[in-house]
Amino acid sequence: MVVVGMVAILSTVAAPSFRSFIGTMNSRTAAFDLISDLSMARSEAIKRNQQVVLQPVVAGDWSKGWRVVSGGAVLRERGELASSLAIAAAPASLQFRPNGRLADEVADGNLAWSISSTISGVGARCVVITPTGSARSKAGTCA
């Protein structure tokens, strides 16, 4: 009984930090999945020598998932993010030209997706893509 009591006490103390840890990992995973799909879309555009689009599954809501589309065919699709995550400041869709660069309408500056969590203690992540098509993730908000 003493051991069970000690486990219960330790679980109660560790639960908040464990929740924060899981939230941080969810945020990081979403950012790296997005970077992976941005890189894949760019390389597919170059390989296929045609435009490839990265777009949300539900128009305007990237947190519901996204897909990579080329010539009407879905090359990859990601599912919905964890319910505690939200994506803001994202474009409606992103189009890569056959040379791997972004389409002209977004070529005037960097694009950024802000991934935030509703869990207390979890920092935001920012995924930035340059007009040349390269993407990176950084901790913190997009500035």
Protein backbone atom coordinates (compact mmCIF):
# COMPACT_ATOMS: atom_id res chain seq x y z
CA MET A 1 0.00 0.00 0.00
CA VAL A 2 2.88 2.34 0.74
CA VAL A 3 4.31 1.80 -2.75
CA VAL A 4 0.92 2.43 -4.38
CA GLY A 5 0.55 5.61 -2.34
CA MET A 6 4.01 6.83 -3.38
CA VAL A 7 3.29 6.11 -7.06
CA ALA A 8 0.03 8.05 -6.81
CA ILE A 9 1.78 11.05 -5.24
CA LEU A 10 4.60 11.02 -7.81
CA SER A 11 2.10 10.74 -10.66
CA THR A 12 0.18 13.75 -9.39
CA VAL A 13 3.35 15.82 -9.17
CA ALA A 14 4.71 14.73 -12.58
CA ALA A 15 1.46 15.04 -14.59
CA PRO A 16 1.62 18.80 -15.34
CA SER A 17 5.19 18.68 -16.65
CA PHE A 18 4.42 15.54 -18.63
CA ARG A 19 1.46 17.31 -20.26
CA SER A 20 3.73 20.21 -21.18
CA PHE A 21 6.30 17.77 -22.59
CA ILE A 22 3.69 16.07 -24.77
CA GLY A 23 2.41 19.47 -25.98
CA THR A 24 5.93 20.55 -26.91
CA MET A 25 6.53 17.31 -28.81
CA ASN A 26 3.20 17.67 -30.67
CA SER A 27 4.10 21.22 -31.69
CA ARG A 28 7.56 20.18 -32.82
CA THR A 29 6.23 17.20 -34.76
CA ALA A 30 3.68 19.36 -36.59
CA ALA A 31 6.41 21.83 -37.57
CA PHE A 32 8.75 19.12 -38.82
CA ASP A 33 5.95 17.36 -40.72
CA LEU A 34 5.15 20.64 -42.45
CA ILE A 35 8.82 21.18 -43.34
CA SER A 36 9.04 17.64 -44.66
CA ASP A 37 6.01 18.15 -46.88
CA LEU A 38 7.26 21.52 -48.10
CA SER A 39 10.55 19.89 -49.08
CA MET A 40 8.74 17.01 -50.73
CA ALA A 41 6.48 19.37 -52.72
CA ARG A 42 9.49 21.36 -53.87
CA SER A 43 11.46 18.29 -54.94
CA GLU A 44 8.42 16.81 -56.72
CA ALA A 45 7.96 20.05 -58.67
CA ILE A 46 11.56 19.85 -59.84
CA LYS A 47 11.41 16.10 -60.54
CA ARG A 48 8.11 16.23 -62.44
CA ASN A 49 8.91 19.57 -64.10
CA GLN A 50 5.41 20.83 -63.27
CA GLN A 51 3.69 22.86 -60.58
CA VAL A 52 3.02 21.19 -57.25
CA VAL A 53 0.66 22.63 -54.65
CA LEU A 54 0.65 22.31 -50.86
CA GLN A 55 -2.85 23.08 -49.59
CA PRO A 56 -4.97 22.53 -46.49
CA VAL A 57 -7.45 19.63 -46.58
CA VAL A 58 -10.18 22.00 -45.35
CA ALA A 59 -9.90 25.37 -47.09
CA GLY A 60 -8.36 27.96 -44.78
CA ASP A 61 -7.76 25.56 -41.85
CA TRP A 62 -4.28 24.01 -41.86
CA SER A 63 -4.88 22.41 -38.44
CA LYS A 64 -7.29 19.95 -40.15
CA GLY A 65 -4.37 18.61 -42.20
CA TRP A 66 -2.81 19.32 -45.58
CA ARG A 67 -1.94 17.61 -48.81
CA VAL A 68 0.61 17.77 -51.61
CA VAL A 69 -1.08 17.77 -55.04
CA SER A 70 0.41 17.50 -58.51
CA GLY A 71 -1.76 17.51 -61.63
CA GLY A 72 -4.85 16.59 -59.65
CA ALA A 73 -3.16 13.59 -57.98
CA VAL A 74 -2.64 13.64 -54.21
CA LEU A 75 0.98 12.72 -53.54
CA ARG A 76 0.82 12.93 -49.73
CA GLU A 77 -1.80 13.85 -47.18
CA ARG A 78 -1.38 14.63 -43.48
CA GLY A 79 -4.16 14.15 -40.99
CA GLU A 80 -5.57 16.53 -38.44
CA LEU A 81 -3.22 17.97 -35.82
CA ALA A 82 -3.61 17.40 -32.09
CA SER A 83 -6.62 19.26 -30.73
CA SER A 84 -4.38 21.50 -28.63
CA LEU A 85 -2.57 22.89 -31.70
CA ALA A 86 -3.54 25.75 -33.98
CA ILE A 87 -1.89 27.16 -37.10
CA ALA A 88 -2.13 30.87 -37.86
CA ALA A 89 -0.78 33.30 -40.46
CA ALA A 90 -0.62 30.56 -43.11
CA PRO A 91 -1.26 31.21 -46.78
CA ALA A 92 -4.37 29.79 -48.47
CA SER A 93 -2.11 27.40 -50.42
CA LEU A 94 1.45 27.27 -51.65
CA GLN A 95 2.50 26.59 -55.21
CA PHE A 96 5.96 25.48 -56.31
CA ARG A 97 7.00 26.13 -59.89
CA PRO A 98 8.90 23.51 -61.94
CA ASN A 99 12.21 25.15 -60.93
CA GLY A 100 11.43 24.62 -57.21
CA ARG A 101 10.77 28.27 -56.42
CA LEU A 102 7.54 29.67 -55.09
CA ALA A 103 4.96 31.12 -57.45
CA ASP A 104 5.36 34.84 -58.26
CA GLU A 105 2.53 36.07 -56.07
CA VAL A 106 4.43 35.04 -52.92
CA ALA A 107 7.96 35.68 -54.12
CA ASP A 108 8.28 39.10 -52.49
CA GLY A 109 9.17 37.87 -48.99
CA ASN A 110 9.25 34.97 -46.57
CA LEU A 111 6.07 33.09 -45.66
CA ALA A 112 5.49 31.85 -42.14
CA TRP A 113 3.20 29.45 -40.35
CA SER A 114 2.76 30.05 -36.64
CA ILE A 115 2.06 26.85 -34.70
CA SER A 116 0.75 27.44 -31.19
CA SER A 117 -0.61 25.29 -28.40
CA THR A 118 -3.38 25.83 -25.88
CA ILE A 119 -1.39 23.89 -23.27
CA SER A 120 0.19 26.08 -20.62
CA GLY A 121 3.98 26.18 -20.78
CA VAL A 122 4.27 25.11 -24.42
CA GLY A 123 6.08 27.61 -26.61
CA ALA A 124 5.07 28.48 -30.15
CA ARG A 125 6.93 27.30 -33.25
CA CYS A 126 7.41 29.19 -36.49
CA VAL A 127 7.90 27.53 -39.87
CA VAL A 128 9.43 29.93 -42.39
CA ILE A 129 9.75 29.38 -46.13
CA THR A 130 11.81 31.63 -48.37
CA PRO A 131 10.93 32.60 -51.97
CA THR A 132 13.53 30.06 -53.15
CA GLY A 133 11.48 27.31 -51.52
CA SER A 134 13.70 26.35 -48.60
CA ALA A 135 11.96 25.88 -45.24
CA ARG A 136 13.08 25.95 -41.61
CA SER A 137 11.58 25.84 -38.16
CA LYS A 138 12.42 27.97 -35.18
CA ALA A 139 11.21 28.15 -31.62
CA GLY A 140 9.09 31.16 -30.77
CA THR A 141 6.53 33.24 -32.57
CA CYS A 142 6.85 34.43 -36.15
CA ALA A 143 8.01 38.04 -36.21
